[in-house]
Amino acid sequence: ASRPESGGTHDPHAFDEMYRGRRLLGFSGPGGEPTVLVDGRPLH
């Protein structure tokens, strides 16, 4: 009950949106560092 989001894990770097016709996808990668894809291609 005291977890910030019961029933699932909270990813502070998570996003999935369309921006200017591009699909932006972000999530926590290895070590919790943010991982980002633009139209399926990685962006450092």
All heavy atoms as atom14 arrays in JSON, in Angstrom:
{
  "sequence": "ASRPESGGTHDPHAFDEMYRGRRLLGFSGPGGEPTVLVDGRPLH",
  "atom14_mask": [
    [1, 1, 1, 1, 1, 0, 0, 0, 0, 0, 0, 0, 0, 0],
    [1, 1, 1, 1, 1, 1, 0, 0, 0, 0, 0, 0, 0, 0],
    [1, 1, 1, 1, 1, 1, 1, 1, 1, 1, 1, 0, 0, 0],
    [1, 1, 1, 1, 1, 1, 1, 0, 0, 0, 0, 0, 0, 0],
    [1, 1, 1, 1, 1, 1, 1, 1, 1, 0, 0, 0, 0, 0],
    [1, 1, 1, 1, 1, 1, 0, 0, 0, 0, 0, 0, 0, 0],
    [1, 1, 1, 1, 0, 0, 0, 0, 0, 0, 0, 0, 0, 0],
    [1, 1, 1, 1, 0, 0, 0, 0, 0, 0, 0, 0, 0, 0],
    [1, 1, 1, 1, 1, 1, 1, 0, 0, 0, 0, 0, 0, 0],
    [1, 1, 1, 1, 1, 1, 1, 1, 1, 1, 0, 0, 0, 0],
    [1, 1, 1, 1, 1, 1, 1, 1, 0, 0, 0, 0, 0, 0],
    [1, 1, 1, 1, 1, 1, 1, 0, 0, 0, 0, 0, 0, 0],
    [1, 1, 1, 1, 1, 1, 1, 1, 1, 1, 0, 0, 0, 0],
    [1, 1, 1, 1, 1, 0, 0, 0, 0, 0, 0, 0, 0, 0],
    [1, 1, 1, 1, 1, 1, 1, 1, 1, 1, 1, 0, 0, 0],
    [1, 1, 1, 1, 1, 1, 1, 1, 0, 0, 0, 0, 0, 0],
    [1, 1, 1, 1, 1, 1, 1, 1, 1, 0, 0, 0, 0, 0],
    [1, 1, 1, 1, 1, 1, 1, 1, 0, 0, 0, 0, 0, 0],
    [1, 1, 1, 1, 1, 1, 1, 1, 1, 1, 1, 1, 0, 0],
    [1, 1, 1, 1, 1, 1, 1, 1, 1, 1, 1, 0, 0, 0],
    [1, 1, 1, 1, 0, 0, 0, 0, 0, 0, 0, 0, 0, 0],
    [1, 1, 1, 1, 1, 1, 1, 1, 1, 1, 1, 0, 0, 0],
    [1, 1, 1, 1, 1, 1, 1, 1, 1, 1, 1, 0, 0, 0],
    [1, 1, 1, 1, 1, 1, 1, 1, 0, 0, 0, 0, 0, 0],
    [1, 1, 1, 1, 1, 1, 1, 1, 0, 0, 0, 0, 0, 0],
    [1, 1, 1, 1, 0, 0, 0, 0, 0, 0, 0, 0, 0, 0],
    [1, 1, 1, 1, 1, 1, 1, 1, 1, 1, 1, 0, 0, 0],
    [1, 1, 1, 1, 1, 1, 0, 0, 0, 0, 0, 0, 0, 0],
    [1, 1, 1, 1, 0, 0, 0, 0, 0, 0, 0, 0, 0, 0],
    [1, 1, 1, 1, 1, 1, 1, 0, 0, 0, 0, 0, 0, 0],
    [1, 1, 1, 1, 0, 0, 0, 0, 0, 0, 0, 0, 0, 0],
    [1, 1, 1, 1, 0, 0, 0, 0, 0, 0, 0, 0, 0, 0],
    [1, 1, 1, 1, 1, 1, 1, 1, 1, 0, 0, 0, 0, 0],
    [1, 1, 1, 1, 1, 1, 1, 0, 0, 0, 0, 0, 0, 0],
    [1, 1, 1, 1, 1, 1, 1, 0, 0, 0, 0, 0, 0, 0],
    [1, 1, 1, 1, 1, 1, 1, 0, 0, 0, 0, 0, 0, 0],
    [1, 1, 1, 1, 1, 1, 1, 1, 0, 0, 0, 0, 0, 0],
    [1, 1, 1, 1, 1, 1, 1, 0, 0, 0, 0, 0, 0, 0],
    [1, 1, 1, 1, 1, 1, 1, 1, 0, 0, 0, 0, 0, 0],
    [1, 1, 1, 1, 0, 0, 0, 0, 0, 0, 0, 0, 0, 0],
    [1, 1, 1, 1, 1, 1, 1, 1, 1, 1, 1, 0, 0, 0],
    [1, 1, 1, 1, 1, 1, 1, 0, 0, 0, 0, 0, 0, 0],
    [1, 1, 1, 1, 1, 1, 1, 1, 0, 0, 0, 0, 0, 0],
    [1, 1, 1, 1, 1, 1, 1, 1, 1, 1, 0, 0, 0, 0]
  ],
  "atom14_positions": [
    [[0.81, -1.22, 0.0], [0.0, 0.0, 0.0], [0.85, 1.27, 0.0], [0.42, 2.3, -0.49], [-0.93, 0.0, 1.21], [0.0, 0.0, 0.0], [0.0, 0.0, 0.0], [0.0, 0.0, 0.0], [0.0, 0.0, 0.0], [0.0, 0.0, 0.0], [0.0, 0.0, 0.0], [0.0, 0.0, 0.0], [0.0, 0.0, 0.0], [0.0, 0.0, 0.0]],
    [[2.05, 1.2, 0.54], [2.88, 2.4, 0.62], [3.71, 2.64, -0.64], [4.35, 3.67, -0.76], [3.82, 2.32, 1.83], [4.78, 1.3, 1.64], [0.0, 0.0, 0.0], [0.0, 0.0, 0.0], [0.0, 0.0, 0.0], [0.0, 0.0, 0.0], [0.0, 0.0, 0.0], [0.0, 0.0, 0.0], [0.0, 0.0, 0.0], [0.0, 0.0, 0.0]],
    [[3.7, 1.72, -1.6], [4.42, 1.92, -2.85], [3.76, 3.04, -3.64], [2.56, 3.22, -3.59], [4.43, 0.65, -3.7], [5.36, -0.39, -3.16], [5.64, -1.48, -4.13], [4.52, -1.8, -4.99], [4.33, -2.99, -5.52], [5.15, -3.96, -5.28], [3.31, -3.21, -6.32], [0.0, 0.0, 0.0], [0.0, 0.0, 0.0], [0.0, 0.0, 0.0]],
    [[4.55, 3.8, -4.42], [3.98, 4.93, -5.15], [2.91, 4.53, -6.15], [1.98, 5.26, -6.38], [5.17, 5.55, -5.88], [6.38, 4.87, -5.4], [5.98, 3.7, -4.58], [0.0, 0.0, 0.0], [0.0, 0.0, 0.0], [0.0, 0.0, 0.0], [0.0, 0.0, 0.0], [0.0, 0.0, 0.0], [0.0, 0.0, 0.0], [0.0, 0.0, 0.0]],
    [[3.06, 3.36, -6.76], [2.1, 2.95, -7.77], [1.82, 1.47, -7.57], [2.56, 0.61, -8.04], [2.71, 3.2, -9.15], [1.72, 3.16, -10.26], [2.37, 3.53, -11.56], [3.2, 2.76, -12.06], [2.04, 4.61, -12.08], [0.0, 0.0, 0.0], [0.0, 0.0, 0.0], [0.0, 0.0, 0.0], [0.0, 0.0, 0.0], [0.0, 0.0, 0.0]],
    [[0.77, 1.12, -6.86], [0.44, -0.27, -6.59], [0.05, -0.98, -7.86], [-0.6, -0.42, -8.73], [-0.72, -0.36, -5.59], [-0.3, 0.14, -4.35], [0.0, 0.0, 0.0], [0.0, 0.0, 0.0], [0.0, 0.0, 0.0], [0.0, 0.0, 0.0], [0.0, 0.0, 0.0], [0.0, 0.0, 0.0], [0.0, 0.0, 0.0], [0.0, 0.0, 0.0]],
    [[0.46, -2.23, -7.96], [0.06, -3.05, -9.08], [0.99, -2.96, -10.27], [0.75, -3.58, -11.28], [0.0, 0.0, 0.0], [0.0, 0.0, 0.0], [0.0, 0.0, 0.0], [0.0, 0.0, 0.0], [0.0, 0.0, 0.0], [0.0, 0.0, 0.0], [0.0, 0.0, 0.0], [0.0, 0.0, 0.0], [0.0, 0.0, 0.0], [0.0, 0.0, 0.0]],
    [[2.06, -2.22, -10.22], [2.97, -2.13, -11.35], [4.22, -1.38, -10.96], [4.3, -0.8, -9.9], [0.0, 0.0, 0.0], [0.0, 0.0, 0.0], [0.0, 0.0, 0.0], [0.0, 0.0, 0.0], [0.0, 0.0, 0.0], [0.0, 0.0, 0.0], [0.0, 0.0, 0.0], [0.0, 0.0, 0.0], [0.0, 0.0, 0.0], [0.0, 0.0, 0.0]],
    [[5.21, -1.44, -11.85], [6.45, -0.75, -11.55], [6.42, 0.63, -12.18], [5.91, 0.82, -13.27], [7.65, -1.54, -12.08], [7.49, -1.71, -13.48], [7.75, -2.89, -11.41], [0.0, 0.0, 0.0], [0.0, 0.0, 0.0], [0.0, 0.0, 0.0], [0.0, 0.0, 0.0], [0.0, 0.0, 0.0], [0.0, 0.0, 0.0], [0.0, 0.0, 0.0]],
    [[6.94, 1.6, -11.5], [6.97, 2.97, -12.0], [8.31, 3.22, -12.66], [9.35, 3.06, -12.05], [6.74, 3.93, -10.85], [6.8, 5.36, -11.27], [5.86, 5.93, -12.1], [7.69, 6.34, -11.0], [6.18, 7.19, -12.31], [7.28, 7.46, -11.66], [0.0, 0.0, 0.0], [0.0, 0.0, 0.0], [0.0, 0.0, 0.0], [0.0, 0.0, 0.0]],
    [[8.3, 3.63, -13.91], [9.51, 3.93, -14.66], [9.61, 5.45, -14.81], [8.81, 6.06, -15.53], [9.45, 3.26, -16.02], [10.72, 3.42, -16.81], [11.59, 4.23, -16.43], [10.87, 2.73, -17.84], [0.0, 0.0, 0.0], [0.0, 0.0, 0.0], [0.0, 0.0, 0.0], [0.0, 0.0, 0.0], [0.0, 0.0, 0.0], [0.0, 0.0, 0.0]],
    [[10.57, 6.07, -14.12], [10.65, 7.54, -14.17], [11.01, 8.09, -15.54], [10.81, 9.26, -15.81], [11.74, 7.87, -13.15], [12.58, 6.65, -13.08], [11.63, 5.5, -13.32], [0.0, 0.0, 0.0], [0.0, 0.0, 0.0], [0.0, 0.0, 0.0], [0.0, 0.0, 0.0], [0.0, 0.0, 0.0], [0.0, 0.0, 0.0], [0.0, 0.0, 0.0]],
    [[11.55, 7.26, -16.43], [11.97, 7.73, -17.75], [11.01, 7.29, -18.85], [11.33, 7.43, -20.02], [13.38, 7.23, -18.07], [14.41, 7.65, -17.08], [14.71, 8.98, -16.83], [15.19, 6.94, -16.24], [15.65, 9.05, -15.9], [15.94, 7.83, -15.52], [0.0, 0.0, 0.0], [0.0, 0.0, 0.0], [0.0, 0.0, 0.0], [0.0, 0.0, 0.0]],
    [[9.86, 6.75, -18.48], [8.94, 6.19, -19.48], [8.13, 7.27, -20.18], [7.55, 8.14, -19.54], [8.01, 5.18, -18.83], [0.0, 0.0, 0.0], [0.0, 0.0, 0.0], [0.0, 0.0, 0.0], [0.0, 0.0, 0.0], [0.0, 0.0, 0.0], [0.0, 0.0, 0.0], [0.0, 0.0, 0.0], [0.0, 0.0, 0.0], [0.0, 0.0, 0.0]],
    [[8.13, 7.22, -21.51], [7.23, 8.03, -22.32], [7.07, 7.35, -23.66], [7.93, 6.58, -24.11], [7.72, 9.47, -22.48], [9.1, 9.63, -23.06], [9.31, 9.67, -24.42], [10.2, 9.76, -22.22], [10.59, 9.83, -24.95], [11.47, 9.93, -22.74], [11.67, 9.96, -24.11], [0.0, 0.0, 0.0], [0.0, 0.0, 0.0], [0.0, 0.0, 0.0]],
    [[5.94, 7.56, -24.27], [5.63, 7.02, -25.59], [4.65, 8.0, -26.22], [3.49, 8.07, -25.82], [5.01, 5.63, -25.47], [4.78, 4.97, -26.83], [5.09, 5.58, -27.87], [4.28, 3.82, -26.84], [0.0, 0.0, 0.0], [0.0, 0.0, 0.0], [0.0, 0.0, 0.0], [0.0, 0.0, 0.0], [0.0, 0.0, 0.0], [0.0, 0.0, 0.0]],
    [[5.16, 8.81, -27.16], [4.3, 9.83, -27.74], [4.69, 10.13, -29.17], [5.79, 9.79, -29.61], [4.35, 11.12, -26.92], [5.66, 11.88, -27.03], [5.6, 13.24, -26.34], [4.98, 13.33, -25.27], [6.17, 14.19, -26.88], [0.0, 0.0, 0.0], [0.0, 0.0, 0.0], [0.0, 0.0, 0.0], [0.0, 0.0, 0.0], [0.0, 0.0, 0.0]],
    [[3.77, 10.75, -29.88], [4.06, 11.27, -31.21], [4.37, 12.75, -31.05], [3.64, 13.47, -30.36], [2.86, 11.08, -32.14], [2.57, 9.63, -32.48], [3.92, 8.81, -33.36], [3.92, 9.64, -34.93], [0.0, 0.0, 0.0], [0.0, 0.0, 0.0], [0.0, 0.0, 0.0], [0.0, 0.0, 0.0], [0.0, 0.0, 0.0], [0.0, 0.0, 0.0]],
    [[5.47, 13.19, -31.64], [5.88, 14.6, -31.58], [6.39, 15.0, -32.95], [7.35, 14.41, -33.47], [6.96, 14.78, -30.52], [7.48, 16.19, -30.39], [6.71, 17.18, -29.78], [8.73, 16.55, -30.88], [7.18, 18.48, -29.66], [9.21, 17.85, -30.77], [8.42, 18.81, -30.16], [8.89, 20.09, -30.04], [0.0, 0.0, 0.0], [0.0, 0.0, 0.0]],
    [[5.72, 15.96, -33.57], [6.08, 16.44, -34.91], [6.21, 15.31, -35.92], [7.14, 15.26, -36.72], [7.35, 17.27, -34.86], [7.18, 18.53, -34.05], [8.32, 19.46, -34.25], [8.01, 20.71, -33.6], [8.57, 21.84, -33.89], [9.49, 21.89, -34.82], [8.24, 22.92, -33.25], [0.0, 0.0, 0.0], [0.0, 0.0, 0.0], [0.0, 0.0, 0.0]],
    [[5.3, 14.36, -35.82], [5.28, 13.23, -36.75], [6.29, 12.13, -36.45], [6.44, 11.2, -37.23], [0.0, 0.0, 0.0], [0.0, 0.0, 0.0], [0.0, 0.0, 0.0], [0.0, 0.0, 0.0], [0.0, 0.0, 0.0], [0.0, 0.0, 0.0], [0.0, 0.0, 0.0], [0.0, 0.0, 0.0], [0.0, 0.0, 0.0], [0.0, 0.0, 0.0]],
    [[6.96, 12.21, -35.32], [7.96, 11.2, -34.92], [7.44, 10.46, -33.69], [6.83, 11.05, -32.81], [9.28, 11.85, -34.54], [9.85, 12.82, -35.52], [10.52, 12.1, -36.66], [11.14, 13.06, -37.54], [12.41, 13.01, -37.88], [13.19, 12.07, -37.43], [12.89, 13.91, -38.7], [0.0, 0.0, 0.0], [0.0, 0.0, 0.0], [0.0, 0.0, 0.0]],
    [[7.74, 9.17, -33.64], [7.38, 8.4, -32.45], [8.56, 8.43, -31.49], [9.66, 7.98, -31.81], [7.06, 6.96, -32.79], [6.69, 6.19, -31.54], [6.04, 4.89, -31.82], [5.62, 4.29, -30.55], [5.82, 3.04, -30.26], [6.38, 2.23, -31.14], [5.42, 2.57, -29.11], [0.0, 0.0, 0.0], [0.0, 0.0, 0.0], [0.0, 0.0, 0.0]],
    [[8.32, 8.98, -30.3], [9.34, 9.06, -29.26], [9.02, 8.02, -28.2], [7.91, 8.01, -27.66], [9.35, 10.46, -28.63], [9.4, 11.66, -29.58], [9.45, 12.94, -28.78], [10.56, 11.55, -30.53], [0.0, 0.0, 0.0], [0.0, 0.0, 0.0], [0.0, 0.0, 0.0], [0.0, 0.0, 0.0], [0.0, 0.0, 0.0], [0.0, 0.0, 0.0]],
    [[9.99, 7.18, -27.91], [9.8, 6.13, -26.91], [10.96, 6.19, -25.93], [12.13, 6.18, -26.34], [9.77, 4.76, -27.6], [9.59, 3.54, -26.71], [8.25, 3.58, -26.01], [9.71, 2.28, -27.54], [0.0, 0.0, 0.0], [0.0, 0.0, 0.0], [0.0, 0.0, 0.0], [0.0, 0.0, 0.0], [0.0, 0.0, 0.0], [0.0, 0.0, 0.0]],
    [[10.65, 6.3, -24.66], [11.69, 6.36, -23.63], [11.38, 5.4, -22.5], [10.22, 5.16, -22.17], [0.0, 0.0, 0.0], [0.0, 0.0, 0.0], [0.0, 0.0, 0.0], [0.0, 0.0, 0.0], [0.0, 0.0, 0.0], [0.0, 0.0, 0.0], [0.0, 0.0, 0.0], [0.0, 0.0, 0.0], [0.0, 0.0, 0.0], [0.0, 0.0, 0.0]],
    [[12.42, 4.83, -21.91], [12.28, 3.91, -20.8], [13.6, 3.82, -20.06], [14.62, 4.31, -20.55], [11.83, 2.52, -21.28], [12.66, 1.96, -22.41], [13.75, 1.16, -22.15], [12.36, 2.26, -23.73], [14.53, 0.65, -23.18], [13.13, 1.76, -24.77], [14.21, 0.96, -24.49], [0.0, 0.0, 0.0], [0.0, 0.0, 0.0], [0.0, 0.0, 0.0]],
    [[13.58, 3.21, -18.9], [14.82, 3.02, -18.14], [15.55, 1.81, -18.68], [14.98, 0.73, -18.76], [14.52, 2.82, -16.65], [14.05, 4.03, -16.09], [0.0, 0.0, 0.0], [0.0, 0.0, 0.0], [0.0, 0.0, 0.0], [0.0, 0.0, 0.0], [0.0, 0.0, 0.0], [0.0, 0.0, 0.0], [0.0, 0.0, 0.0], [0.0, 0.0, 0.0]],
    [[16.8, 2.02, -19.03], [17.62, 0.94, -19.55], [18.45, 0.31, -18.45], [18.14, 0.45, -17.26], [0.0, 0.0, 0.0], [0.0, 0.0, 0.0], [0.0, 0.0, 0.0], [0.0, 0.0, 0.0], [0.0, 0.0, 0.0], [0.0, 0.0, 0.0], [0.0, 0.0, 0.0], [0.0, 0.0, 0.0], [0.0, 0.0, 0.0], [0.0, 0.0, 0.0]],
    [[19.53, -0.34, -18.82], [20.41, -0.97, -17.84], [20.93, 0.06, -16.83], [21.33, 1.15, -17.2], [21.56, -1.53, -18.68], [21.02, -1.62, -20.06], [19.99, -0.55, -20.19], [0.0, 0.0, 0.0], [0.0, 0.0, 0.0], [0.0, 0.0, 0.0], [0.0, 0.0, 0.0], [0.0, 0.0, 0.0], [0.0, 0.0, 0.0], [0.0, 0.0, 0.0]],
    [[20.89, -0.29, -15.59], [21.36, 0.6, -14.55], [20.43, 1.76, -14.26], [20.8, 2.69, -13.56], [0.0, 0.0, 0.0], [0.0, 0.0, 0.0], [0.0, 0.0, 0.0], [0.0, 0.0, 0.0], [0.0, 0.0, 0.0], [0.0, 0.0, 0.0], [0.0, 0.0, 0.0], [0.0, 0.0, 0.0], [0.0, 0.0, 0.0], [0.0, 0.0, 0.0]],
    [[19.23, 1.75, -14.83], [18.27, 2.81, -14.58], [18.47, 4.06, -15.43], [17.74, 5.02, -15.29], [0.0, 0.0, 0.0], [0.0, 0.0, 0.0], [0.0, 0.0, 0.0], [0.0, 0.0, 0.0], [0.0, 0.0, 0.0], [0.0, 0.0, 0.0], [0.0, 0.0, 0.0], [0.0, 0.0, 0.0], [0.0, 0.0, 0.0], [0.0, 0.0, 0.0]],
    [[19.47, 4.05, -16.3], [19.71, 5.2, -17.16], [18.65, 5.26, -18.25], [18.18, 4.23, -18.72], [21.1, 5.12, -17.79], [22.22, 5.29, -16.79], [22.17, 6.65, -16.11], [22.0, 7.67, -16.78], [22.3, 6.67, -14.87], [0.0, 0.0, 0.0], [0.0, 0.0, 0.0], [0.0, 0.0, 0.0], [0.0, 0.0, 0.0], [0.0, 0.0, 0.0]],
    [[18.27, 6.47, -18.69], [17.24, 6.57, -19.72], [17.72, 6.06, -21.07], [18.86, 6.28, -21.46], [16.94, 8.07, -19.78], [18.15, 8.73, -19.23], [18.75, 7.77, -18.24], [0.0, 0.0, 0.0], [0.0, 0.0, 0.0], [0.0, 0.0, 0.0], [0.0, 0.0, 0.0], [0.0, 0.0, 0.0], [0.0, 0.0, 0.0], [0.0, 0.0, 0.0]],
    [[16.83, 5.35, -21.76], [17.06, 4.88, -23.11], [15.97, 5.48, -23.97], [14.8, 5.46, -23.6], [17.0, 3.34, -23.17], [18.03, 2.82, -22.32], [17.19, 2.83, -24.57], [0.0, 0.0, 0.0], [0.0, 0.0, 0.0], [0.0, 0.0, 0.0], [0.0, 0.0, 0.0], [0.0, 0.0, 0.0], [0.0, 0.0, 0.0], [0.0, 0.0, 0.0]],
    [[16.35, 6.05, -25.13], [15.41, 6.77, -25.98], [15.5, 6.25, -27.41], [16.59, 6.01, -27.92], [15.71, 8.29, -25.96], [14.82, 9.03, -26.93], [15.53, 8.85, -24.56], [0.0, 0.0, 0.0], [0.0, 0.0, 0.0], [0.0, 0.0, 0.0], [0.0, 0.0, 0.0], [0.0, 0.0, 0.0], [0.0, 0.0, 0.0], [0.0, 0.0, 0.0]],
    [[14.33, 6.1, -28.04], [14.25, 5.74, -29.45], [13.43, 6.8, -30.17], [12.39, 7.22, -29.66], [13.59, 4.37, -29.63], [14.25, 3.19, -28.95], [13.4, 1.94, -29.11], [15.64, 2.96, -29.5], [0.0, 0.0, 0.0], [0.0, 0.0, 0.0], [0.0, 0.0, 0.0], [0.0, 0.0, 0.0], [0.0, 0.0, 0.0], [0.0, 0.0, 0.0]],
    [[13.9, 7.23, -31.33], [13.16, 8.14, -32.2], [12.87, 7.38, -33.47], [13.8, 6.99, -34.19], [13.97, 9.43, -32.5], [13.2, 10.32, -33.47], [14.29, 10.18, -31.22], [0.0, 0.0, 0.0], [0.0, 0.0, 0.0], [0.0, 0.0, 0.0], [0.0, 0.0, 0.0], [0.0, 0.0, 0.0], [0.0, 0.0, 0.0], [0.0, 0.0, 0.0]],
    [[11.61, 7.11, -33.73], [11.2, 6.29, -34.88], [11.94, 4.96, -34.89], [12.35, 4.46, -35.94], [11.43, 7.04, -36.19], [10.52, 8.24, -36.34], [9.42, 8.23, -35.76], [10.92, 9.2, -37.02], [0.0, 0.0, 0.0], [0.0, 0.0, 0.0], [0.0, 0.0, 0.0], [0.0, 0.0, 0.0], [0.0, 0.0, 0.0], [0.0, 0.0, 0.0]],
    [[12.15, 4.39, -33.71], [12.79, 3.09, -33.6], [14.31, 3.12, -33.61], [14.95, 2.08, -33.45], [0.0, 0.0, 0.0], [0.0, 0.0, 0.0], [0.0, 0.0, 0.0], [0.0, 0.0, 0.0], [0.0, 0.0, 0.0], [0.0, 0.0, 0.0], [0.0, 0.0, 0.0], [0.0, 0.0, 0.0], [0.0, 0.0, 0.0], [0.0, 0.0, 0.0]],
    [[14.9, 4.28, -33.79], [16.36, 4.4, -33.8], [16.84, 4.98, -32.47], [16.27, 5.93, -31.97], [16.82, 5.3, -34.94], [16.56, 4.68, -36.29], [17.1, 5.56, -37.38], [16.88, 4.9, -38.66], [17.66, 5.08, -39.7], [18.68, 5.9, -39.62], [17.4, 4.46, -40.82], [0.0, 0.0, 0.0], [0.0, 0.0, 0.0], [0.0, 0.0, 0.0]],
    [[17.92, 4.43, -31.92], [18.4, 4.91, -30.61], [18.99, 6.31, -30.71], [19.64, 6.67, -31.68], [19.48, 3.9, -30.23], [19.91, 3.28, -31.51], [18.73, 3.32, -32.43], [0.0, 0.0, 0.0], [0.0, 0.0, 0.0], [0.0, 0.0, 0.0], [0.0, 0.0, 0.0], [0.0, 0.0, 0.0], [0.0, 0.0, 0.0], [0.0, 0.0, 0.0]],
    [[18.71, 7.08, -29.67], [19.28, 8.43, -29.53], [20.02, 8.46, -28.22], [19.44, 8.22, -27.16], [18.18, 9.49, -29.54], [18.62, 10.92, -29.28], [19.53, 11.41, -30.41], [17.42, 11.83, -29.13], [0.0, 0.0, 0.0], [0.0, 0.0, 0.0], [0.0, 0.0, 0.0], [0.0, 0.0, 0.0], [0.0, 0.0, 0.0], [0.0, 0.0, 0.0]],
    [[21.31, 8.72, -28.28], [22.14, 8.73, -27.08], [21.84, 9.97, -26.24], [21.77, 11.07, -26.76], [23.62, 8.7, -27.46], [24.54, 8.68, -26.29], [24.65, 7.59, -25.46], [25.37, 9.61, -25.79], [25.52, 7.86, -24.51], [25.97, 9.09, -24.69], [0.0, 0.0, 0.0], [0.0, 0.0, 0.0], [0.0, 0.0, 0.0], [0.0, 0.0, 0.0]]
  ]
}
